Amino acid sequence: MTTQVVQGVFGPKQVTKLKEVYERARVVEANYPESHIASKAAKRLIEAFETVIHVDGTVLDVKWLSEANPQGNA
């Protein structure tokens, strides 16, 4: 996860929640076979977190992470 960019966009509580989501996705991916639907979903989520963000702020794939406004509990 690109922590420096994320911390510039989100507050400390939101960063903590995003890190928790990322870590739990890594656990799911590790505990289920690659063909399982949960593993596939976790892999896509991890890829979204690990998407390279360029210096100018553009993202190679999507910009959903920097545009998100998380509310409530995931």
N, C-alpha and C. Protein backbone atom coordinates (compact mmCIF):
# COMPACT_ATOMS: atom_id res chain seq x y z
N MET A 1 0.86 -1.17 0.00
CA MET A 1 0.00 0.00 0.00
C MET A 1 0.90 1.23 0.00
N THR A 2 0.56 2.23 -0.77
CA THR A 2 1.36 3.44 -0.87
C THR A 2 1.01 4.35 0.30
N THR A 3 1.67 4.12 1.42
CA THR A 3 1.31 4.77 2.68
C THR A 3 1.43 6.28 2.62
N GLN A 4 2.47 6.79 2.00
CA GLN A 4 2.69 8.24 1.95
C GLN A 4 1.53 8.95 1.26
N VAL A 5 1.06 8.42 0.15
CA VAL A 5 -0.06 9.02 -0.58
C VAL A 5 -1.34 8.88 0.21
N VAL A 6 -1.57 7.70 0.78
CA VAL A 6 -2.79 7.44 1.54
C VAL A 6 -2.88 8.36 2.74
N GLN A 7 -1.80 8.56 3.46
CA GLN A 7 -1.82 9.42 4.64
C GLN A 7 -2.05 10.88 4.28
N GLY A 8 -1.70 11.28 3.07
CA GLY A 8 -1.96 12.64 2.63
C GLY A 8 -3.41 12.88 2.29
N VAL A 9 -4.15 11.80 1.97
CA VAL A 9 -5.54 11.91 1.56
C VAL A 9 -6.50 11.61 2.72
N PHE A 10 -6.14 10.65 3.56
CA PHE A 10 -7.01 10.20 4.64
C PHE A 10 -6.44 10.58 5.99
N GLY A 11 -7.32 10.57 6.99
CA GLY A 11 -6.90 10.81 8.36
C GLY A 11 -6.35 9.54 8.99
N PRO A 12 -5.81 9.64 10.20
CA PRO A 12 -5.20 8.50 10.86
C PRO A 12 -6.16 7.32 11.09
N LYS A 13 -7.39 7.59 11.47
CA LYS A 13 -8.36 6.51 11.69
C LYS A 13 -8.67 5.78 10.39
N GLN A 14 -8.82 6.53 9.32
CA GLN A 14 -9.12 5.92 8.02
C GLN A 14 -7.93 5.10 7.52
N VAL A 15 -6.73 5.58 7.73
CA VAL A 15 -5.53 4.84 7.32
C VAL A 15 -5.45 3.53 8.10
N THR A 16 -5.76 3.57 9.38
CA THR A 16 -5.74 2.36 10.21
C THR A 16 -6.75 1.35 9.70
N LYS A 17 -7.94 1.80 9.35
CA LYS A 17 -8.97 0.90 8.82
C LYS A 17 -8.56 0.30 7.48
N LEU A 18 -7.98 1.12 6.62
CA LEU A 18 -7.53 0.62 5.32
C LEU A 18 -6.41 -0.40 5.47
N LYS A 19 -5.49 -0.17 6.41
CA LYS A 19 -4.42 -1.14 6.66
C LYS A 19 -5.01 -2.45 7.17
N GLU A 20 -6.04 -2.37 8.02
CA GLU A 20 -6.68 -3.58 8.53
C GLU A 20 -7.35 -4.35 7.40
N VAL A 21 -8.04 -3.66 6.51
CA VAL A 21 -8.67 -4.32 5.37
C VAL A 21 -7.62 -5.00 4.50
N TYR A 22 -6.52 -4.31 4.26
CA TYR A 22 -5.44 -4.86 3.45
C TYR A 22 -4.86 -6.13 4.09
N GLU A 23 -4.56 -6.06 5.38
CA GLU A 23 -3.98 -7.21 6.08
C GLU A 23 -4.94 -8.39 6.11
N ARG A 24 -6.22 -8.14 6.31
CA ARG A 24 -7.20 -9.23 6.32
C ARG A 24 -7.34 -9.86 4.93
N ALA A 25 -7.25 -9.05 3.91
CA ALA A 25 -7.29 -9.59 2.54
C ALA A 25 -6.09 -10.49 2.30
N ARG A 26 -4.93 -10.12 2.82
CA ARG A 26 -3.74 -10.96 2.68
C ARG A 26 -3.93 -12.30 3.39
N VAL A 27 -4.58 -12.28 4.56
CA VAL A 27 -4.84 -13.51 5.31
C VAL A 27 -5.81 -14.41 4.53
N VAL A 28 -6.87 -13.81 3.99
CA VAL A 28 -7.85 -14.59 3.21
C VAL A 28 -7.17 -15.22 2.01
N GLU A 29 -6.36 -14.44 1.30
CA GLU A 29 -5.68 -14.98 0.12
C GLU A 29 -4.76 -16.14 0.50
N ALA A 30 -4.14 -16.06 1.66
CA ALA A 30 -3.21 -17.11 2.10
C ALA A 30 -3.95 -18.37 2.55
N ASN A 31 -5.16 -18.22 3.08
CA ASN A 31 -5.88 -19.35 3.68
C ASN A 31 -6.80 -20.10 2.72
N TYR A 32 -7.08 -19.55 1.57
CA TYR A 32 -7.99 -20.20 0.63
C TYR A 32 -7.23 -20.56 -0.65
N PRO A 33 -7.67 -21.63 -1.31
CA PRO A 33 -7.03 -21.96 -2.59
C PRO A 33 -7.27 -20.86 -3.62
N GLU A 34 -6.37 -20.78 -4.58
CA GLU A 34 -6.43 -19.71 -5.59
C GLU A 34 -7.75 -19.71 -6.36
N SER A 35 -8.39 -20.87 -6.50
CA SER A 35 -9.63 -20.97 -7.26
C SER A 35 -10.87 -20.55 -6.46
N HIS A 36 -10.73 -20.38 -5.16
CA HIS A 36 -11.88 -20.03 -4.30
C HIS A 36 -12.28 -18.57 -4.54
N ILE A 37 -13.58 -18.30 -4.51
CA ILE A 37 -14.10 -16.95 -4.78
C ILE A 37 -13.56 -15.92 -3.78
N ALA A 38 -13.41 -16.32 -2.51
CA ALA A 38 -12.90 -15.39 -1.51
C ALA A 38 -11.44 -15.02 -1.81
N SER A 39 -10.67 -15.98 -2.25
CA SER A 39 -9.28 -15.72 -2.60
C SER A 39 -9.19 -14.80 -3.81
N LYS A 40 -10.05 -15.03 -4.78
CA LYS A 40 -10.06 -14.17 -5.98
C LYS A 40 -10.41 -12.73 -5.61
N ALA A 41 -11.42 -12.56 -4.74
CA ALA A 41 -11.83 -11.21 -4.31
C ALA A 41 -10.71 -10.55 -3.51
N ALA A 42 -10.07 -11.31 -2.63
CA ALA A 42 -8.97 -10.77 -1.83
C ALA A 42 -7.81 -10.35 -2.73
N LYS A 43 -7.53 -11.15 -3.75
CA LYS A 43 -6.44 -10.83 -4.67
C LYS A 43 -6.71 -9.52 -5.41
N ARG A 44 -7.94 -9.33 -5.84
CA ARG A 44 -8.29 -8.08 -6.54
C ARG A 44 -8.18 -6.89 -5.60
N LEU A 45 -8.58 -7.07 -4.35
CA LEU A 45 -8.49 -6.00 -3.37
C LEU A 45 -7.03 -5.65 -3.09
N ILE A 46 -6.21 -6.66 -2.92
CA ILE A 46 -4.78 -6.44 -2.68
C ILE A 46 -4.15 -5.71 -3.86
N GLU A 47 -4.50 -6.12 -5.08
CA GLU A 47 -3.96 -5.46 -6.27
C GLU A 47 -4.37 -3.98 -6.31
N ALA A 48 -5.59 -3.69 -5.88
CA ALA A 48 -6.04 -2.30 -5.86
C ALA A 48 -5.22 -1.48 -4.86
N PHE A 49 -4.92 -2.07 -3.71
CA PHE A 49 -4.10 -1.39 -2.72
C PHE A 49 -2.67 -1.20 -3.21
N GLU A 50 -2.17 -2.13 -3.97
CA GLU A 50 -0.78 -2.09 -4.40
C GLU A 50 -0.58 -1.42 -5.75
N THR A 51 -1.62 -0.84 -6.30
CA THR A 51 -1.51 -0.15 -7.58
C THR A 51 -0.51 1.00 -7.46
N VAL A 52 0.35 1.11 -8.44
CA VAL A 52 1.39 2.13 -8.42
C VAL A 52 0.77 3.50 -8.67
N ILE A 53 1.09 4.44 -7.80
CA ILE A 53 0.61 5.82 -7.95
C ILE A 53 1.80 6.68 -8.35
N HIS A 54 1.66 7.37 -9.48
CA HIS A 54 2.74 8.20 -9.98
C HIS A 54 2.86 9.49 -9.17
N VAL A 55 3.97 10.19 -9.33
CA VAL A 55 4.23 11.42 -8.61
C VAL A 55 3.16 12.47 -8.89
N ASP A 56 2.63 12.51 -10.11
CA ASP A 56 1.62 13.52 -10.45
C ASP A 56 0.24 13.16 -9.93
N GLY A 57 0.11 12.03 -9.24
CA GLY A 57 -1.16 11.65 -8.63
C GLY A 57 -1.99 10.70 -9.47
N THR A 58 -1.57 10.41 -10.69
CA THR A 58 -2.34 9.50 -11.53
C THR A 58 -2.06 8.05 -11.14
N VAL A 59 -3.06 7.23 -11.31
CA VAL A 59 -2.94 5.82 -10.96
C VAL A 59 -2.99 5.02 -12.25
N LEU A 60 -2.21 3.94 -12.30
CA LEU A 60 -2.19 3.12 -13.51
C LEU A 60 -3.55 2.52 -13.83
N ASP A 61 -4.27 2.04 -12.82
CA ASP A 61 -5.52 1.34 -13.07
C ASP A 61 -6.73 2.22 -12.77
N VAL A 62 -7.03 2.43 -11.51
CA VAL A 62 -8.17 3.25 -11.11
C VAL A 62 -7.78 4.15 -9.95
N LYS A 63 -8.57 5.19 -9.71
CA LYS A 63 -8.27 6.13 -8.63
C LYS A 63 -9.26 5.99 -7.48
N TRP A 64 -9.91 4.83 -7.35
CA TRP A 64 -10.95 4.69 -6.33
C TRP A 64 -10.42 4.91 -4.92
N LEU A 65 -9.19 4.52 -4.64
CA LEU A 65 -8.68 4.63 -3.29
C LEU A 65 -8.51 6.08 -2.86
N SER A 66 -8.01 6.93 -3.76
CA SER A 66 -7.80 8.33 -3.38
C SER A 66 -9.09 9.13 -3.43
N GLU A 67 -10.14 8.59 -4.04
CA GLU A 67 -11.42 9.29 -4.14
C GLU A 67 -12.43 8.75 -3.14
N ALA A 68 -12.09 7.72 -2.41
CA ALA A 68 -13.02 7.08 -1.48
C ALA A 68 -13.30 7.97 -0.28
N ASN A 69 -14.48 7.84 0.25
CA ASN A 69 -14.86 8.53 1.47
C ASN A 69 -15.48 7.50 2.39
N PRO A 70 -14.63 6.67 3.03
CA PRO A 70 -15.16 5.56 3.83
C PRO A 70 -16.00 6.05 5.00
N GLN A 71 -17.12 5.38 5.22
CA GLN A 71 -18.00 5.70 6.33
C GLN A 71 -18.46 4.40 6.96
N GLY A 72 -18.61 4.39 8.26
CA GLY A 72 -19.08 3.20 8.94
C GLY A 72 -18.00 2.13 9.02
N ASN A 73 -18.44 0.90 9.21
CA ASN A 73 -17.52 -0.22 9.36
C ASN A 73 -17.57 -1.12 8.13
N ALA A 74 -16.40 -1.62 7.75
CA ALA A 74 -16.33 -2.51 6.60
C ALA A 74 -16.57 -3.93 7.05
